[in-house]
Amino acid sequence: MNNDDYDLIVVGGGIAGLTAANRAAQLGAKPLLLEKGTDEHYLCNTRYTGGTLHVCMADIMSGEDAHLAAIEKLCDGARPDLARAMARHAERAVRWLQSEGCKFIKASASPHHRWVLAPPGRKGPGLDWKGRAGDVLLRRLGANLEERGCCLLRGARVQKPIMEDGHCVGVIAEVDGEIVEYRAKAVILADGGFQAAPELLKEHITPRPEKVHQRNAGSGTGDGLRFALEAGAATSGMDKFYGHLLSLDALTNDRLWPYPYLDAVVTAGVLINPEGRRFADEGRGGVHVANSVAGLEDPHSSHVVFDQTIWEGAGRHGLIPCNPHIPKEGGTLHKASSLGELAGMIGMSAAALEKTVAGYNAAVDAGTIGALTPPRCTVKGEPVAIRTAPFYAMPVCAGITYTMGGIAIDGNARVIRPDDTPIEGLYAAGTTTGGLEGGSGAGYVGGLSKSTVTALLAAEHTAG
C-alpha cells in the first residue's frame, strides 16, 4: 500500500513528536504522525513525567549565555551547534507550549521548579499520571493536531526507511499486521530512547540490564535508532542515561518508583560496595551515581550509608523526600547504633566500613574530599560527616528513565552520517537523539526541554 499525500512523517507521539507535528502544521505542512501505541492514552515517557522544564536544573528563563555555560560545564563532549541551539531556544519552547494551551505552575522555591506542567505530576510516592502534567499536555497537543486537520495514526510501528539516492523519502511500517509504505518529503524520528531494549542496554549501558529498574513507560525500544542506523546515521554518547538511584525494593514495590528517589541522601552521604569501599563520586549527584551503579557487575550490590543528621536534613529535601516515604512505603532501611552493628546487618566487614567512613569524615573536616579515592566533588551538593547515631544503610538500584545518547544530529536536528554530513530528508528529536547530554559526568540537560527544542528545530527546518 502506498501513500503519497503527506509532506512530513513524524514517528512517535510523545512531547517531541506532537510538538514537531503541530509546528509543521502551523507552517503549512501536512504531517502524518505514526504512534505504535494502540490505546487512546497510549503510554510513553511523557505520559509519566513529573513535568519540569528546565536547563541543567536551572530556571529555563535564565537566558542563552547562562544555559550554554551550564551545558558546557556539565556535558563535556556536547556538540557545539546543538548546545547553542538548545540554549538559544529553551525559553521559546516554553512560550510555544503556552501558545498551544499548555499550563504551568511554580512547584517550589527551587529555580528549576519555576516552570512545571499543570496539574503537577508529583503528588506523592509511586506513579500517578492520569489527568496530570504530561498526560494533560499530550491530550492538549493531540487535540490541537486534530483541529489542524492532521492525522495521528495509532498502532503503527515503523520498521525501516525508504531511501532513494541517499535521501530518506518515507518509512515502511507495520499497521494492524499489514506492511504499509508511507512517503513524504521528510521524516522526523521522535520515538524516545532505547531504555526498554535489553539487548541495546547490555551493549551500551550495563552488563546486567535485568537488574536495572525500568523507571519509564516501557515504550522506548530503540526503533528510531535502528531506523536511523539503516539509513546510514552516526550515533553519539550511547553509554549514559538519565535516571535516579532508587530503593532496591522498587523492583517489587510500585509505591517506590518513580518517586521517591535517593539523590539528596547519596549526595550528602557515601555509596559503598560489598567490600565497604566507595566506588563513585557522590558529589556529582543522583544521575551520575545511578549510571555508576548500573555499570557494576552486580547492580544490586551497593548501599548508601548515612547518619541521623543526614536523614533529618538531606533526607527531607525534595518535593517527595525519601524521609519519611521510603520506610513508610515499605522500603528497606537498616538502622543501627554503631557502624560496626550496621556492617553486620548488611553483610560486610565492620573494619572496612569503619575505615571508609573515618577517611571520608577526615576529608570532610579538612576540606580535602577531592583527594579521596575516588575523588569527590561538590557539583550537586556538599558532603556531610557521618557521626551522629543512629546510622543507616539502604540497599539501592539504578532506575533508568531514558537514554541520553542515540542518533547523532546537528544544530538543526538533521540526522548526520559519520562524516558529519546530513542525511537529506531525515531528522530526529527528543530522547532518541545524542550529542547533547551525557559525557563523563552523565550531564543532564532536561528531557522535556531537549525534546521540545529539537522538535521545533526539526519541524522548522523541514518547512524552511
Protein backbone atom coordinates (compact mmCIF):
# COMPACT_ATOMS: atom_id res chain seq x y z
CA MET A 1 0.00 0.00 0.00
CA ASN A 2 1.42 3.41 -0.95
CA ASN A 3 0.52 6.81 0.45
CA ASP A 4 1.96 9.96 -1.06
CA ASP A 5 -0.35 12.53 0.47
CA TYR A 6 1.94 13.79 3.28
CA ASP A 7 4.67 16.40 3.44
CA LEU A 8 6.15 15.00 6.64
CA ILE A 9 6.08 11.78 8.63
CA VAL A 10 6.68 12.01 12.37
CA VAL A 11 7.47 8.83 14.28
CA GLY A 12 6.36 8.81 17.93
CA GLY A 13 3.53 10.52 19.79
CA GLY A 14 5.29 11.88 22.86
CA ILE A 15 6.07 15.53 23.51
CA ALA A 16 8.72 15.62 20.76
CA GLY A 17 6.55 14.03 18.10
CA LEU A 18 3.43 16.04 18.85
CA THR A 19 5.43 19.27 19.04
CA ALA A 20 7.05 18.57 15.69
CA ALA A 21 3.77 17.64 14.00
CA ASN A 22 1.88 20.66 15.35
CA ARG A 23 4.67 23.09 14.50
CA ALA A 24 4.93 21.69 10.97
CA ALA A 25 1.17 22.06 10.53
CA GLN A 26 1.39 25.67 11.74
CA LEU A 27 3.93 26.28 8.98
CA GLY A 28 1.66 24.91 6.29
CA ALA A 29 2.82 21.29 6.04
CA LYS A 30 0.62 18.21 6.14
CA PRO A 31 2.17 15.83 8.69
CA LEU A 32 1.30 12.22 9.46
CA LEU A 33 2.17 11.11 13.00
CA LEU A 34 2.75 7.38 13.50
CA GLU A 35 2.46 6.08 17.08
CA LYS A 36 2.98 2.40 17.89
CA GLY A 37 0.76 2.53 20.99
CA THR A 38 -2.80 1.40 20.36
CA ASP A 39 -4.72 2.88 23.29
CA GLU A 40 -6.28 6.33 23.17
CA HIS A 41 -4.00 7.33 26.03
CA TYR A 42 -1.01 5.29 24.82
CA LEU A 43 1.87 5.02 27.26
CA CYS A 44 5.12 6.88 26.71
CA ASN A 45 7.59 8.67 28.98
CA THR A 46 5.82 12.00 28.51
CA ARG A 47 2.67 10.44 29.96
CA TYR A 48 4.62 9.63 33.16
CA THR A 49 6.66 12.82 33.50
CA GLY A 50 6.77 15.00 36.59
CA GLY A 51 6.55 17.90 34.16
CA THR A 52 9.53 20.13 34.93
CA LEU A 53 11.01 22.17 32.08
CA HIS A 54 14.50 23.36 32.99
CA VAL A 55 18.01 23.51 31.56
CA CYS A 56 20.65 21.74 33.66
CA MET A 57 18.47 22.08 36.77
CA ALA A 58 18.29 25.88 36.38
CA ASP A 59 15.40 28.19 35.52
CA ILE A 60 14.65 27.72 31.83
CA MET A 61 14.25 31.51 31.57
CA SER A 62 17.84 32.16 32.72
CA GLY A 63 18.98 33.22 29.25
CA GLU A 64 21.06 31.83 26.41
CA ASP A 65 24.51 32.60 27.84
CA ALA A 66 23.75 31.03 31.21
CA HIS A 67 22.26 27.95 29.59
CA LEU A 68 25.22 27.49 27.27
CA ALA A 69 27.71 27.83 30.12
CA ALA A 70 25.81 25.25 32.17
CA ILE A 71 25.63 22.77 29.28
CA GLU A 72 29.33 23.15 28.51
CA LYS A 73 30.20 22.65 32.19
CA LEU A 74 28.07 19.58 32.80
CA CYS A 75 28.11 17.86 29.42
CA ASP A 76 31.69 17.56 28.26
CA GLY A 77 31.61 16.45 24.66
CA ALA A 78 28.32 18.16 23.79
CA ARG A 79 28.15 19.10 20.13
CA PRO A 80 28.70 22.91 19.98
CA ASP A 81 25.99 23.79 17.47
CA LEU A 82 23.46 21.60 19.27
CA ALA A 83 24.36 23.06 22.67
CA ARG A 84 24.00 26.58 21.29
CA ALA A 85 20.64 25.77 19.71
CA MET A 86 19.39 24.29 22.98
CA ALA A 87 20.50 27.37 24.92
CA ARG A 88 19.05 29.79 22.37
CA HIS A 89 15.61 28.23 22.00
CA ALA A 90 14.87 26.96 25.52
CA GLU A 91 12.71 29.91 26.55
CA ARG A 92 10.90 29.88 23.21
CA ALA A 93 10.00 26.23 23.78
CA VAL A 94 8.03 27.14 26.90
CA ARG A 95 6.36 30.08 25.18
CA TRP A 96 5.35 27.87 22.27
CA LEU A 97 3.83 25.28 24.61
CA GLN A 98 1.93 28.07 26.35
CA SER A 99 0.62 29.27 22.99
CA GLU A 100 -0.69 25.75 22.41
CA GLY A 101 -2.70 25.90 25.62
CA CYS A 102 -0.31 24.09 27.99
CA LYS A 103 -0.38 25.41 31.56
CA PHE A 104 2.48 25.82 34.02
CA ILE A 105 2.86 26.38 37.76
CA LYS A 106 5.71 27.17 40.11
CA ALA A 107 6.12 23.93 42.06
CA SER A 108 8.66 25.07 44.67
CA ALA A 109 11.16 27.78 45.51
CA SER A 110 13.90 25.90 43.62
CA PRO A 111 14.85 27.70 40.39
CA HIS A 112 14.31 24.61 38.23
CA HIS A 113 10.74 24.25 39.55
CA ARG A 114 9.54 27.60 38.21
CA TRP A 115 8.08 26.04 35.06
CA VAL A 116 6.25 22.82 35.86
CA LEU A 117 3.37 21.45 33.82
CA ALA A 118 -0.04 21.73 35.48
CA PRO A 119 -1.56 19.89 37.17
CA PRO A 120 1.78 18.76 38.67
CA GLY A 121 2.84 15.18 38.08
CA ARG A 122 4.40 14.73 41.52
CA LYS A 123 1.68 14.13 44.06
CA GLY A 124 3.31 11.52 46.28
CA PRO A 125 5.18 8.21 46.20
CA GLY A 126 4.56 5.87 43.32
CA LEU A 127 3.15 6.55 39.87
CA ASP A 128 0.14 8.83 39.39
CA TRP A 129 -0.14 10.18 35.84
CA LYS A 130 -3.77 10.26 34.77
CA GLY A 131 -5.04 13.82 34.39
CA ARG A 132 -1.65 15.25 35.33
CA ALA A 133 1.34 17.03 33.77
CA GLY A 134 2.41 15.07 30.69
CA ASP A 135 -0.93 13.33 30.24
CA VAL A 136 -2.71 16.69 30.03
CA LEU A 137 -0.03 18.05 27.69
CA LEU A 138 -0.38 15.10 25.30
CA ARG A 139 -4.15 15.39 25.27
CA ARG A 140 -3.89 19.10 24.50
CA LEU A 141 -1.33 18.73 21.71
CA GLY A 142 -3.20 15.76 20.29
CA ALA A 143 -6.43 17.77 20.17
CA ASN A 144 -4.58 20.66 18.52
CA LEU A 145 -3.23 18.35 15.84
CA GLU A 146 -6.71 17.03 15.13
CA GLU A 147 -8.12 20.57 14.95
CA ARG A 148 -5.46 21.35 12.35
CA GLY A 149 -6.81 18.54 10.21
CA CYS A 150 -3.81 16.26 10.70
CA CYS A 151 -3.68 12.54 11.38
CA LEU A 152 -2.29 10.72 14.42
CA LEU A 153 -2.32 7.04 13.49
CA ARG A 154 -2.06 4.66 16.45
CA GLY A 155 -0.91 1.06 16.21
CA ALA A 156 1.72 1.93 13.58
CA ARG A 157 5.23 0.61 14.31
CA VAL A 158 7.93 1.86 11.97
CA GLN A 159 10.21 -0.84 10.55
CA LYS A 160 12.71 0.73 8.16
CA PRO A 161 13.42 3.79 5.99
CA ILE A 162 12.72 4.24 2.32
CA MET A 163 15.95 5.59 0.82
CA GLU A 164 16.47 6.94 -2.69
CA ASP A 165 19.85 8.31 -3.81
CA GLY A 166 20.87 8.83 -0.18
CA HIS A 167 17.67 10.69 0.69
CA CYS A 168 15.06 9.50 3.17
CA VAL A 169 11.73 9.67 1.34
CA GLY A 170 9.48 7.72 3.65
CA VAL A 171 9.00 4.83 6.03
CA ILE A 172 7.85 1.24 5.98
CA ALA A 173 5.59 0.49 8.93
CA GLU A 174 3.52 -2.35 10.30
CA VAL A 175 -0.10 -1.31 10.85
CA ASP A 176 -2.56 -3.89 12.17
CA GLY A 177 -0.38 -6.70 10.87
CA GLU A 178 -0.07 -5.17 7.39
CA ILE A 179 3.12 -3.71 5.96
CA VAL A 180 2.42 -0.17 4.77
CA GLU A 181 4.64 2.22 2.85
CA TYR A 182 4.32 5.93 3.60
CA ARG A 183 6.18 8.50 1.50
CA ALA A 184 6.88 12.14 2.32
CA LYS A 185 9.43 14.88 1.76
CA ALA A 186 10.91 14.35 5.24
CA VAL A 187 10.81 12.07 8.27
CA ILE A 188 11.27 13.11 11.90
CA LEU A 189 12.18 10.32 14.34
CA ALA A 190 10.83 11.10 17.82
CA ASP A 191 10.11 7.73 19.40
CA GLY A 192 12.24 8.07 22.56
CA GLY A 193 15.39 6.28 23.64
CA PHE A 194 16.39 2.62 23.90
CA GLN A 195 15.94 2.25 27.66
CA ALA A 196 13.45 -0.61 27.28
CA ALA A 197 15.57 -2.62 24.81
CA PRO A 198 17.59 -5.11 26.91
CA GLU A 199 19.99 -6.06 24.11
CA LEU A 200 20.91 -2.41 23.48
CA LEU A 201 21.23 -1.71 27.21
CA LYS A 202 23.63 -4.62 27.53
CA GLU A 203 25.67 -3.41 24.57
CA HIS A 204 25.95 0.20 25.73
CA ILE A 205 24.85 0.78 29.36
CA THR A 206 25.04 -2.16 31.78
CA PRO A 207 26.26 -5.76 31.88
CA ARG A 208 23.06 -6.76 33.67
CA PRO A 209 20.07 -4.96 32.11
CA GLU A 210 17.65 -7.18 34.01
CA LYS A 211 18.98 -5.66 37.25
CA VAL A 212 18.30 -2.04 36.23
CA HIS A 213 14.83 -0.84 37.17
CA GLN A 214 12.74 0.43 34.26
CA ARG A 215 11.73 3.83 35.65
CA ASN A 216 9.82 4.60 32.46
CA ALA A 217 6.78 3.69 30.37
CA GLY A 218 8.47 0.76 28.61
CA SER A 219 7.86 2.26 25.16
CA GLY A 220 11.44 3.31 24.31
CA THR A 221 12.61 0.19 22.47
CA GLY A 222 15.08 1.79 20.05
CA ASP A 223 13.01 1.55 16.86
CA GLY A 224 14.03 5.02 15.69
CA LEU A 225 17.67 4.30 16.44
CA ARG A 226 17.63 1.13 14.32
CA PHE A 227 15.80 3.03 11.57
CA ALA A 228 18.45 5.75 11.53
CA LEU A 229 21.33 3.27 11.53
CA GLU A 230 19.87 1.54 8.49
CA ALA A 231 19.71 4.95 6.80
CA GLY A 232 23.44 5.45 7.48
CA ALA A 233 23.31 7.62 10.62
CA ALA A 234 26.06 8.15 13.15
CA THR A 235 25.44 7.75 16.87
CA SER A 236 26.66 9.77 19.83
CA GLY A 237 27.08 9.24 23.58
CA MET A 238 25.39 5.86 23.86
CA ASP A 239 26.84 4.95 27.27
CA LYS A 240 24.85 7.21 29.62
CA PHE A 241 21.24 7.54 30.75
CA TYR A 242 19.04 9.84 32.75
CA GLY A 243 17.64 8.19 35.87
CA HIS A 244 17.86 8.14 39.64
CA LEU A 245 19.03 5.99 42.49
CA LEU A 246 16.06 4.10 43.95
CA SER A 247 15.41 1.80 46.86
CA LEU A 248 16.21 -1.75 45.79
CA ASP A 249 12.67 -2.64 46.83
CA ALA A 250 11.35 -0.54 43.90
CA LEU A 251 11.88 -3.69 41.83
CA THR A 252 8.95 -5.34 43.59
CA ASN A 253 7.11 -2.40 45.17
CA ASP A 254 5.43 0.03 42.78
CA ARG A 255 4.98 2.58 45.57
CA LEU A 256 8.74 3.21 45.45
CA TRP A 257 9.03 4.46 41.86
CA PRO A 258 9.29 6.82 40.09
CA TYR A 259 9.26 8.70 43.41
CA PRO A 260 10.84 8.94 45.91
CA TYR A 261 14.43 8.78 44.75
CA LEU A 262 17.58 8.96 46.87
CA ASP A 263 19.62 11.72 45.23
CA ALA A 264 19.76 14.09 48.20
CA VAL A 265 20.81 11.38 50.66
CA VAL A 266 23.53 9.89 48.44
CA THR A 267 24.92 13.36 47.66
CA ALA A 268 25.31 14.01 51.40
CA GLY A 269 26.48 10.52 52.44
CA VAL A 270 28.52 7.71 50.88
CA LEU A 271 27.76 4.94 48.41
CA ILE A 272 29.60 1.68 49.15
CA ASN A 273 30.18 -1.69 47.51
CA PRO A 274 30.08 -5.10 49.29
CA GLU A 275 33.71 -4.63 50.35
CA GLY A 276 32.75 -1.47 52.22
CA ARG A 277 34.50 0.89 49.80
CA ARG A 278 33.25 3.90 47.85
CA PHE A 279 33.20 3.48 44.06
CA ALA A 280 31.59 6.66 42.65
CA ASP A 281 31.71 10.44 43.04
CA GLU A 282 28.58 11.04 45.08
CA GLY A 283 29.01 14.79 44.69
CA ARG A 284 28.05 14.60 41.02
CA GLY A 285 24.51 13.72 42.06
CA GLY A 286 21.95 11.03 41.57
CA VAL A 287 22.06 10.78 37.77
CA HIS A 288 25.82 10.16 37.75
CA VAL A 289 25.58 7.73 40.66
CA ALA A 290 22.73 5.79 39.02
CA ASN A 291 24.96 5.32 35.98
CA SER A 292 27.79 4.12 38.23
CA VAL A 293 25.54 1.58 39.94
CA ALA A 294 24.18 0.30 36.61
CA GLY A 295 27.75 -0.26 35.43
CA LEU A 296 28.59 -2.68 38.25
CA GLU A 297 28.87 -6.41 37.58
CA ASP A 298 26.09 -6.74 40.14
CA PRO A 299 23.93 -3.58 40.10
CA HIS A 300 22.11 -4.82 43.22
CA SER A 301 25.20 -4.97 45.43
CA SER A 302 25.58 -1.41 46.78
CA HIS A 303 24.22 0.56 49.75
CA VAL A 304 24.00 4.24 50.58
CA VAL A 305 25.26 4.90 54.13
CA PHE A 306 24.40 7.96 56.23
CA ASP A 307 23.59 9.07 59.74
CA GLN A 308 20.79 10.76 61.67
CA THR A 309 21.96 14.25 60.71
CA ILE A 310 21.73 13.43 57.02
CA TRP A 311 18.45 11.55 57.41
CA GLU A 312 16.80 14.53 59.13
CA GLY A 313 18.48 17.05 56.83
CA ALA A 314 19.10 15.98 53.25
CA GLY A 315 16.70 13.09 53.74
CA ARG A 316 13.80 15.56 53.87
CA HIS A 317 14.85 17.53 50.78
CA GLY A 318 12.78 17.46 47.61
CA LEU A 319 9.11 17.51 46.68
CA ILE A 320 8.72 13.82 47.67
CA PRO A 321 11.60 13.19 50.10
CA CYS A 322 12.88 9.73 50.98
CA ASN A 323 12.31 10.60 54.66
CA PRO A 324 9.66 9.54 55.59
CA HIS A 325 8.40 8.00 52.35
CA ILE A 326 10.91 5.17 51.85
CA PRO A 327 10.23 3.36 55.15
CA LYS A 328 6.58 4.40 55.14
CA GLU A 329 6.03 2.70 51.77
CA GLY A 330 7.87 -0.48 52.75
CA GLY A 331 11.41 0.23 51.57
CA THR A 332 14.28 -1.42 53.45
CA LEU A 333 16.15 0.91 55.81
CA HIS A 334 18.75 -0.66 58.10
CA LYS A 335 19.25 1.26 61.34
CA ALA A 336 21.96 0.67 63.98
CA SER A 337 23.55 2.35 66.97
CA SER A 338 27.08 1.88 65.59
CA LEU A 339 28.80 1.46 62.22
CA GLY A 340 30.02 -1.98 63.29
CA GLU A 341 26.49 -3.11 64.01
CA LEU A 342 25.30 -1.62 60.72
CA ALA A 343 28.01 -3.52 58.82
CA GLY A 344 26.74 -6.79 60.29
CA MET A 345 23.21 -6.01 59.14
CA ILE A 346 24.28 -5.58 55.52
CA GLY A 347 26.80 -8.43 55.47
CA MET A 348 30.11 -6.62 55.22
CA SER A 349 33.30 -6.17 57.23
CA ALA A 350 32.88 -3.80 60.16
CA ALA A 351 36.54 -2.78 59.90
CA ALA A 352 36.15 -1.94 56.20
CA LEU A 353 33.04 0.20 56.71
CA GLU A 354 34.54 1.99 59.70
CA LYS A 355 37.74 2.71 57.75
CA THR A 356 35.81 4.13 54.79
CA VAL A 357 33.65 6.37 56.95
CA ALA A 358 36.63 7.54 59.04
CA GLY A 359 38.56 8.51 55.91
CA TYR A 360 35.54 10.25 54.48
CA ASN A 361 34.89 12.19 57.71
CA ALA A 362 38.52 13.29 57.90
CA ALA A 363 38.40 14.57 54.32
CA VAL A 364 35.16 16.47 55.01
CA ASP A 365 36.73 18.07 58.09
CA ALA A 366 39.93 19.00 56.25
CA GLY A 367 38.23 20.14 53.07
CA THR A 368 40.16 17.56 51.02
CA ILE A 369 37.34 15.46 49.56
CA GLY A 370 38.96 15.83 46.14
CA ALA A 371 41.81 13.66 47.39
CA LEU A 372 39.55 10.74 48.29
CA THR A 373 39.57 7.55 46.20
CA PRO A 374 37.59 8.00 44.07
CA PRO A 375 37.76 11.82 44.24
CA ARG A 376 34.63 13.63 45.32
CA CYS A 377 33.28 17.00 44.11
CA THR A 378 30.51 19.33 45.21
CA VAL A 379 28.73 19.87 41.86
CA LYS A 380 25.37 18.73 43.26
CA GLY A 381 25.81 19.39 46.96
CA GLU A 382 28.05 19.42 50.00
CA PRO A 383 29.15 16.22 51.80
CA VAL A 384 28.16 15.77 55.45
CA ALA A 385 30.27 13.93 58.02
CA ILE A 386 28.74 10.66 59.22
CA ARG A 387 28.98 10.78 63.02
CA THR A 388 25.57 11.03 64.65
CA ALA A 389 23.88 7.78 65.70
CA PRO A 390 21.74 6.08 64.68
CA PHE A 391 23.46 5.09 61.45
CA TYR A 392 21.58 3.96 58.34
CA ALA A 393 22.15 1.84 55.25
CA MET A 394 19.76 1.45 52.35
CA PRO A 395 20.13 -1.12 49.54
CA VAL A 396 19.80 0.63 46.18
CA CYS A 397 19.29 0.05 42.48
CA ALA A 398 19.62 2.21 39.39
CA GLY A 399 16.35 3.43 37.88
CA ILE A 400 16.61 4.27 34.16
CA THR A 401 14.21 6.85 32.71
CA TYR A 402 15.67 7.49 29.27
CA THR A 403 18.95 7.00 27.43
CA MET A 404 20.90 10.21 26.87
CA GLY A 405 22.68 9.12 23.71
CA GLY A 406 21.44 7.92 20.37
CA ILE A 407 21.05 9.27 16.85
CA ALA A 408 23.60 11.97 16.04
CA ILE A 409 22.01 15.27 14.95
CA ASP A 410 23.26 18.75 14.20
CA GLY A 411 22.01 22.12 15.43
CA ASN A 412 19.04 21.94 13.04
CA ALA A 413 18.06 18.45 14.27
CA ARG A 414 19.17 16.90 10.97
CA VAL A 415 20.39 13.31 11.29
CA ILE A 416 24.06 13.17 10.33
CA ARG A 417 26.34 10.50 8.94
CA PRO A 418 29.70 9.51 10.46
CA ASP A 419 31.38 12.09 8.18
CA ASP A 420 29.16 14.84 9.69
CA THR A 421 27.10 15.38 6.56
CA PRO A 422 23.30 15.40 6.91
CA ILE A 423 21.10 12.64 5.55
CA GLU A 424 18.68 14.57 3.37
CA GLY A 425 15.09 14.27 4.50
CA LEU A 426 15.85 12.66 7.87
CA TYR A 427 15.56 14.43 11.24
CA ALA A 428 15.41 13.32 14.87
CA ALA A 429 14.12 14.96 18.02
CA GLY A 430 13.84 14.25 21.71
CA THR A 431 15.44 11.42 23.63
CA THR A 432 16.16 9.27 20.60
CA THR A 433 19.00 11.73 19.89
CA GLY A 434 22.55 12.05 21.18
CA GLY A 435 25.18 14.76 21.15
CA LEU A 436 23.88 16.98 23.95
CA GLU A 437 23.58 15.19 27.29
CA GLY A 438 25.99 12.70 28.85
CA GLY A 439 29.76 12.86 28.94
CA SER A 440 31.98 11.67 31.78
CA GLY A 441 29.63 13.03 34.45
CA ALA A 442 26.36 11.94 32.82
CA GLY A 443 25.43 15.61 32.44
CA TYR A 444 21.66 16.10 32.45
CA VAL A 445 20.11 18.96 30.46
CA GLY A 446 16.41 18.07 30.73
CA GLY A 447 14.27 15.62 28.78
CA LEU A 448 11.21 17.80 28.22
CA SER A 449 13.17 20.89 27.26
CA LYS A 450 15.51 18.93 24.97
CA SER A 451 12.52 17.23 23.33
CA THR A 452 10.57 20.43 22.73
CA VAL A 453 13.52 22.42 21.39
CA THR A 454 14.77 19.73 19.00
CA ALA A 455 11.23 19.08 17.77
CA LEU A 456 10.68 22.76 16.97
CA LEU A 457 14.03 22.90 15.18
CA ALA A 458 13.27 19.79 13.14
CA ALA A 459 9.81 20.98 12.09
CA GLU A 460 11.02 24.44 11.20
CA HIS A 461 13.96 23.16 9.15
CA THR A 462 11.75 20.83 7.15
CA ALA A 463 9.48 23.79 6.37
CA GLY A 464 12.41 26.04 5.52
